Amino acid sequence: VAEEAGGGPGPGPAVLDMLRLFDLAWEYGPCTGITRLQRWERAQALGLSPPALVRDALLQHPDDP
């Protein structure tokens, strides 16, 4: 119940906004068929410098889409 009320361990609105912006940023390549973390790792491997805060958020909340 605490999670539903916003008091749980899920990501807050600021984190969700940051992830949404990452989803929409085409400079990191397409996002179809891969997870956000896979997309972040691919962008990093290609030298595209994705935001470290995005990776941190994804690792803190691995069960959130």
PDB file of N, CA and C in Angstrom:
ATOM      1  N   VAL A   1       0.834  -1.192   0.000  1.00  0.00           N
ATOM      2  CA  VAL A   1       0.000   0.000   0.000  1.00  0.00           C
ATOM      3  C   VAL A   1       0.872   1.246   0.000  1.00  0.00           C
ATOM      4  N   ALA A   2       2.008   1.206   0.703  1.00  0.00           N
ATOM      5  CA  ALA A   2       2.897   2.365   0.746  1.00  0.00           C
ATOM      6  C   ALA A   2       3.437   2.678  -0.641  1.00  0.00           C
ATOM      7  N   GLU A   3       3.708   1.628  -1.447  1.00  0.00           N
ATOM      8  CA  GLU A   3       4.207   1.867  -2.795  1.00  0.00           C
ATOM      9  C   GLU A   3       3.157   2.561  -3.650  1.00  0.00           C
ATOM     10  N   GLU A   4       1.889   2.160  -3.477  1.00  0.00           N
ATOM     11  CA  GLU A   4       0.816   2.772  -4.247  1.00  0.00           C
ATOM     12  C   GLU A   4       0.623   4.231  -3.870  1.00  0.00           C
ATOM     13  N   ALA A   5       0.894   4.574  -2.621  1.00  0.00           N
ATOM     14  CA  ALA A   5       0.727   5.942  -2.151  1.00  0.00           C
ATOM     15  C   ALA A   5       1.945   6.798  -2.462  1.00  0.00           C
ATOM     16  N   GLY A   6       2.950   6.222  -3.071  1.00  0.00           N
ATOM     17  CA  GLY A   6       4.143   6.978  -3.420  1.00  0.00           C
ATOM     18  C   GLY A   6       5.220   6.908  -2.361  1.00  0.00           C
ATOM     19  N   GLY A   7       4.994   6.170  -1.293  1.00  0.00           N
ATOM     20  CA  GLY A   7       5.978   6.097  -0.227  1.00  0.00           C
ATOM     21  C   GLY A   7       6.899   4.901  -0.331  1.00  0.00           C
ATOM     22  N   GLY A   8       6.740   4.107  -1.377  1.00  0.00           N
ATOM     23  CA  GLY A   8       7.539   2.903  -1.530  1.00  0.00           C
ATOM     24  C   GLY A   8       8.867   3.170  -2.204  1.00  0.00           C
ATOM     25  N   PRO A   9       9.573   2.094  -2.515  1.00  0.00           N
ATOM     26  CA  PRO A   9      10.915   2.220  -3.076  1.00  0.00           C
ATOM     27  C   PRO A   9      10.951   2.526  -4.571  1.00  0.00           C
ATOM     28  N   GLY A  10       9.809   2.689  -5.217  1.00  0.00           N
ATOM     29  CA  GLY A  10       9.795   2.969  -6.654  1.00  0.00           C
ATOM     30  C   GLY A  10      10.399   4.324  -6.970  1.00  0.00           C
ATOM     31  N   PRO A  11      10.746   4.525  -8.234  1.00  0.00           N
ATOM     32  CA  PRO A  11      11.348   5.802  -8.629  1.00  0.00           C
ATOM     33  C   PRO A  11      10.352   6.941  -8.504  1.00  0.00           C
ATOM     34  N   GLY A  12      10.844   8.099  -8.119  1.00  0.00           N
ATOM     35  CA  GLY A  12       9.998   9.273  -7.981  1.00  0.00           C
ATOM     36  C   GLY A  12       9.756   9.944  -9.318  1.00  0.00           C
ATOM     37  N   PRO A  13       8.923  10.984  -9.320  1.00  0.00           N
ATOM     38  CA  PRO A  13       8.589  11.685 -10.564  1.00  0.00           C
ATOM     39  C   PRO A  13       9.805  12.262 -11.290  1.00  0.00           C
ATOM     40  N   ALA A  14      10.781  12.761 -10.554  1.00  0.00           N
ATOM     41  CA  ALA A  14      11.966  13.341 -11.199  1.00  0.00           C
ATOM     42  C   ALA A  14      12.757  12.268 -11.943  1.00  0.00           C
ATOM     43  N   VAL A  15      12.872  11.093 -11.344  1.00  0.00           N
ATOM     44  CA  VAL A  15      13.588   9.988 -11.990  1.00  0.00           C
ATOM     45  C   VAL A  15      12.819   9.520 -13.222  1.00  0.00           C
ATOM     46  N   LEU A  16      11.503   9.422 -13.097  1.00  0.00           N
ATOM     47  CA  LEU A  16      10.696   9.001 -14.242  1.00  0.00           C
ATOM     48  C   LEU A  16      10.801  10.001 -15.391  1.00  0.00           C
ATOM     49  N   ASP A  17      10.829  11.286 -15.076  1.00  0.00           N
ATOM     50  CA  ASP A  17      11.008  12.310 -16.115  1.00  0.00           C
ATOM     51  C   ASP A  17      12.372  12.167 -16.788  1.00  0.00           C
ATOM     52  N   MET A  18      13.406  11.919 -15.988  1.00  0.00           N
ATOM     53  CA  MET A  18      14.752  11.748 -16.538  1.00  0.00           C
ATOM     54  C   MET A  18      14.789  10.539 -17.484  1.00  0.00           C
ATOM     55  N   LEU A  19      14.158   9.438 -17.083  1.00  0.00           N
ATOM     56  CA  LEU A  19      14.138   8.241 -17.921  1.00  0.00           C
ATOM     57  C   LEU A  19      13.335   8.481 -19.195  1.00  0.00           C
ATOM     58  N   ARG A  20      12.253   9.233 -19.087  1.00  0.00           N
ATOM     59  CA  ARG A  20      11.443   9.558 -20.257  1.00  0.00           C
ATOM     60  C   ARG A  20      12.262  10.383 -21.259  1.00  0.00           C
ATOM     61  N   LEU A  21      13.029  11.343 -20.752  1.00  0.00           N
ATOM     62  CA  LEU A  21      13.889  12.143 -21.628  1.00  0.00           C
ATOM     63  C   LEU A  21      14.949  11.269 -22.301  1.00  0.00           C
ATOM     64  N   PHE A  22      15.489  10.311 -21.551  1.00  0.00           N
ATOM     65  CA  PHE A  22      16.455   9.375 -22.133  1.00  0.00           C
ATOM     66  C   PHE A  22      15.796   8.564 -23.245  1.00  0.00           C
ATOM     67  N   ASP A  23      14.561   8.120 -23.004  1.00  0.00           N
ATOM     68  CA  ASP A  23      13.836   7.355 -24.017  1.00  0.00           C
ATOM     69  C   ASP A  23      13.670   8.150 -25.309  1.00  0.00           C
ATOM     70  N   LEU A  24      13.453   9.445 -25.179  1.00  0.00           N
ATOM     71  CA  LEU A  24      13.176  10.293 -26.341  1.00  0.00           C
ATOM     72  C   LEU A  24      14.428  10.834 -27.020  1.00  0.00           C
ATOM     73  N   ALA A  25      15.590  10.639 -26.410  1.00  0.00           N
ATOM     74  CA  ALA A  25      16.842  11.179 -26.950  1.00  0.00           C
ATOM     75  C   ALA A  25      17.395  10.239 -28.022  1.00  0.00           C
ATOM     76  N   TRP A  26      17.185  10.596 -29.284  1.00  0.00           N
ATOM     77  CA  TRP A  26      17.610   9.740 -30.386  1.00  0.00           C
ATOM     78  C   TRP A  26      19.117   9.662 -30.535  1.00  0.00           C
ATOM     79  N   GLU A  27      19.841  10.570 -29.907  1.00  0.00           N
ATOM     80  CA  GLU A  27      21.303  10.538 -30.028  1.00  0.00           C
ATOM     81  C   GLU A  27      21.909   9.267 -29.440  1.00  0.00           C
ATOM     82  N   TYR A  28      21.139   8.545 -28.606  1.00  0.00           N
ATOM     83  CA  TYR A  28      21.635   7.304 -28.003  1.00  0.00           C
ATOM     84  C   TYR A  28      21.167   6.070 -28.768  1.00  0.00           C
ATOM     85  N   GLY A  29      20.579   6.267 -29.924  1.00  0.00           N
ATOM     86  CA  GLY A  29      20.162   5.168 -30.776  1.00  0.00           C
ATOM     87  C   GLY A  29      18.740   4.718 -30.504  1.00  0.00           C
ATOM     88  N   PRO A  30      18.255   3.805 -31.338  1.00  0.00           N
ATOM     89  CA  PRO A  30      16.885   3.315 -31.191  1.00  0.00           C
ATOM     90  C   PRO A  30      16.705   2.517 -29.904  1.00  0.00           C
ATOM     91  N   CYS A  31      15.457   2.472 -29.437  1.00  0.00           N
ATOM     92  CA  CYS A  31      15.192   1.786 -28.171  1.00  0.00           C
ATOM     93  C   CYS A  31      14.238   0.606 -28.339  1.00  0.00           C
ATOM     94  N   THR A  32      13.876   0.285 -29.548  1.00  0.00           N
ATOM     95  CA  THR A  32      12.937  -0.797 -29.795  1.00  0.00           C
ATOM     96  C   THR A  32      13.604  -2.152 -29.581  1.00  0.00           C
ATOM     97  N   GLY A  33      12.967  -2.984 -28.764  1.00  0.00           N
ATOM     98  CA  GLY A  33      13.431  -4.352 -28.585  1.00  0.00           C
ATOM     99  C   GLY A  33      14.542  -4.562 -27.575  1.00  0.00           C
ATOM    100  N   ILE A  34      14.967  -3.501 -26.877  1.00  0.00           N
ATOM    101  CA  ILE A  34      16.002  -3.646 -25.852  1.00  0.00           C
ATOM    102  C   ILE A  34      15.570  -2.890 -24.600  1.00  0.00           C
ATOM    103  N   THR A  35      16.171  -3.244 -23.497  1.00  0.00           N
ATOM    104  CA  THR A  35      15.860  -2.550 -22.250  1.00  0.00           C
ATOM    105  C   THR A  35      16.576  -1.204 -22.216  1.00  0.00           C
ATOM    106  N   ARG A  36      16.148  -0.365 -21.302  1.00  0.00           N
ATOM    107  CA  ARG A  36      16.821   0.929 -21.136  1.00  0.00           C
ATOM    108  C   ARG A  36      18.288   0.730 -20.780  1.00  0.00           C
ATOM    109  N   LEU A  37      18.561  -0.243 -19.912  1.00  0.00           N
ATOM    110  CA  LEU A  37      19.952  -0.473 -19.505  1.00  0.00           C
ATOM    111  C   LEU A  37      20.785  -0.966 -20.690  1.00  0.00           C
ATOM    112  N   GLN A  38      20.227  -1.850 -21.504  1.00  0.00           N
ATOM    113  CA  GLN A  38      20.950  -2.307 -22.696  1.00  0.00           C
ATOM    114  C   GLN A  38      21.222  -1.131 -23.632  1.00  0.00           C
ATOM    115  N   ARG A  39      20.257  -0.255 -23.767  1.00  0.00           N
ATOM    116  CA  ARG A  39      20.437   0.922 -24.624  1.00  0.00           C
ATOM    117  C   ARG A  39      21.521   1.830 -24.055  1.00  0.00           C
ATOM    118  N   TRP A  40      21.508   2.025 -22.730  1.00  0.00           N
ATOM    119  CA  TRP A  40      22.526   2.860 -22.090  1.00  0.00           C
ATOM    120  C   TRP A  40      23.910   2.248 -22.328  1.00  0.00           C
ATOM    121  N   GLU A  41      24.025   0.929 -22.114  1.00  0.00           N
ATOM    122  CA  GLU A  41      25.318   0.254 -22.275  1.00  0.00           C
ATOM    123  C   GLU A  41      25.802   0.313 -23.719  1.00  0.00           C
ATOM    124  N   ARG A  42      24.893   0.163 -24.670  1.00  0.00           N
ATOM    125  CA  ARG A  42      25.273   0.264 -26.078  1.00  0.00           C
ATOM    126  C   ARG A  42      25.771   1.674 -26.397  1.00  0.00           C
ATOM    127  N   ALA A  43      25.053   2.685 -25.912  1.00  0.00           N
ATOM    128  CA  ALA A  43      25.466   4.071 -26.143  1.00  0.00           C
ATOM    129  C   ALA A  43      26.840   4.328 -25.529  1.00  0.00           C
ATOM    130  N   GLN A  44      27.079   3.801 -24.346  1.00  0.00           N
ATOM    131  CA  GLN A  44      28.376   3.966 -23.684  1.00  0.00           C
ATOM    132  C   GLN A  44      29.479   3.288 -24.498  1.00  0.00           C
ATOM    133  N   ALA A  45      29.210   2.079 -24.974  1.00  0.00           N
ATOM    134  CA  ALA A  45      30.204   1.345 -25.761  1.00  0.00           C
ATOM    135  C   ALA A  45      30.536   2.063 -27.069  1.00  0.00           C
ATOM    136  N   LEU A  46      29.569   2.811 -27.596  1.00  0.00           N
ATOM    137  CA  LEU A  46      29.781   3.553 -28.840  1.00  0.00           C
ATOM    138  C   LEU A  46      30.368   4.938 -28.605  1.00  0.00           C
ATOM    139  N   GLY A  47      30.663   5.252 -27.345  1.00  0.00           N
ATOM    140  CA  GLY A  47      31.268   6.540 -27.026  1.00  0.00           C
ATOM    141  C   GLY A  47      30.308   7.710 -27.071  1.00  0.00           C
ATOM    142  N   LEU A  48      29.012   7.454 -26.860  1.00  0.00           N
ATOM    143  CA  LEU A  48      28.004   8.508 -26.950  1.00  0.00           C
ATOM    144  C   LEU A  48      27.758   9.227 -25.627  1.00  0.00           C
ATOM    145  N   SER A  49      28.428   8.823 -24.583  1.00  0.00           N
ATOM    146  CA  SER A  49      28.352   9.466 -23.262  1.00  0.00           C
ATOM    147  C   SER A  49      26.931   9.649 -22.735  1.00  0.00           C
ATOM    148  N   PRO A  50      26.192   8.552 -22.558  1.00  0.00           N
ATOM    149  CA  PRO A  50      24.861   8.690 -21.963  1.00  0.00           C
ATOM    150  C   PRO A  50      24.993   9.127 -20.506  1.00  0.00           C
ATOM    151  N   PRO A  51      23.980   9.787 -19.964  1.00  0.00           N
ATOM    152  CA  PRO A  51      24.063  10.295 -18.590  1.00  0.00           C
ATOM    153  C   PRO A  51      24.249   9.170 -17.562  1.00  0.00           C
ATOM    154  N   ALA A  52      25.238   9.323 -16.708  1.00  0.00           N
ATOM    155  CA  ALA A  52      25.498   8.329 -15.659  1.00  0.00           C
ATOM    156  C   ALA A  52      24.322   8.229 -14.697  1.00  0.00           C
ATOM    157  N   LEU A  53      23.607   9.326 -14.485  1.00  0.00           N
ATOM    158  CA  LEU A  53      22.450   9.298 -13.582  1.00  0.00           C
ATOM    159  C   LEU A  53      21.369   8.347 -14.081  1.00  0.00           C
ATOM    160  N   VAL A  54      21.245   8.210 -15.390  1.00  0.00           N
ATOM    161  CA  VAL A  54      20.267   7.278 -15.953  1.00  0.00           C
ATOM    162  C   VAL A  54      20.654   5.852 -15.574  1.00  0.00           C
ATOM    163  N   ARG A  55      21.916   5.505 -15.747  1.00  0.00           N
ATOM    164  CA  ARG A  55      22.381   4.154 -15.390  1.00  0.00           C
ATOM    165  C   ARG A  55      22.180   3.897 -13.899  1.00  0.00           C
ATOM    166  N   ASP A  56      22.523   4.876 -13.076  1.00  0.00           N
ATOM    167  CA  ASP A  56      22.351   4.724 -11.632  1.00  0.00           C
ATOM    168  C   ASP A  56      20.894   4.451 -11.284  1.00  0.00           C
ATOM    169  N   ALA A  57      19.979   5.197 -11.895  1.00  0.00           N
ATOM    170  CA  ALA A  57      18.548   5.009 -11.631  1.00  0.00           C
ATOM    171  C   ALA A  57      18.090   3.631 -12.090  1.00  0.00           C
ATOM    172  N   LEU A  58      18.572   3.189 -13.233  1.00  0.00           N
ATOM    173  CA  LEU A  58      18.183   1.876 -13.744  1.00  0.00           C
ATOM    174  C   LEU A  58      18.691   0.755 -12.846  1.00  0.00           C
ATOM    175  N   LEU A  59      19.876   0.916 -12.296  1.00  0.00           N
ATOM    176  CA  LEU A  59      20.420  -0.106 -11.396  1.00  0.00           C
ATOM    177  C   LEU A  59      19.735  -0.086 -10.035  1.00  0.00           C
ATOM    178  N   GLN A  60      19.274   1.081  -9.593  1.00  0.00           N
ATOM    179  CA  GLN A  60      18.575   1.180  -8.308  1.00  0.00           C
ATOM    180  C   GLN A  60      17.170   0.602  -8.379  1.00  0.00           C
ATOM    181  N   HIS A  61      16.571   0.627  -9.568  1.00  0.00           N
ATOM    182  CA  HIS A  61      15.185   0.174  -9.741  1.00  0.00           C
ATOM    183  C   HIS A  61      15.108  -0.830 -10.893  1.00  0.00           C
ATOM    184  N   PRO A  62      15.744  -1.985 -10.751  1.00  0.00           N
ATOM    185  CA  PRO A  62      15.814  -2.937 -11.869  1.00  0.00           C
ATOM    186  C   PRO A  62      14.470  -3.539 -12.274  1.00  0.00           C
ATOM    187  N   ASP A  63      13.480  -3.521 -11.386  1.00  0.00           N
ATOM    188  CA  ASP A  63      12.187  -4.128 -11.702  1.00  0.00           C
ATOM    189  C   ASP A  63      11.213  -3.161 -12.354  1.00  0.00           C
ATOM    190  N   ASP A  64      11.572  -1.886 -12.407  1.00  0.00           N
ATOM    191  CA  ASP A  64      10.698  -0.908 -13.047  1.00  0.00           C
ATOM    192  C   ASP A  64      11.040  -0.836 -14.526  1.00  0.00           C
ATOM    193  N   PRO A  65      10.010  -0.712 -15.365  1.00  0.00           N
ATOM    194  CA  PRO A  65      10.260  -0.704 -16.820  1.00  0.00           C
ATOM    195  C   PRO A  65      11.048   0.503 -17.284  1.00  0.00           C
TER     196      PRO A  65
END
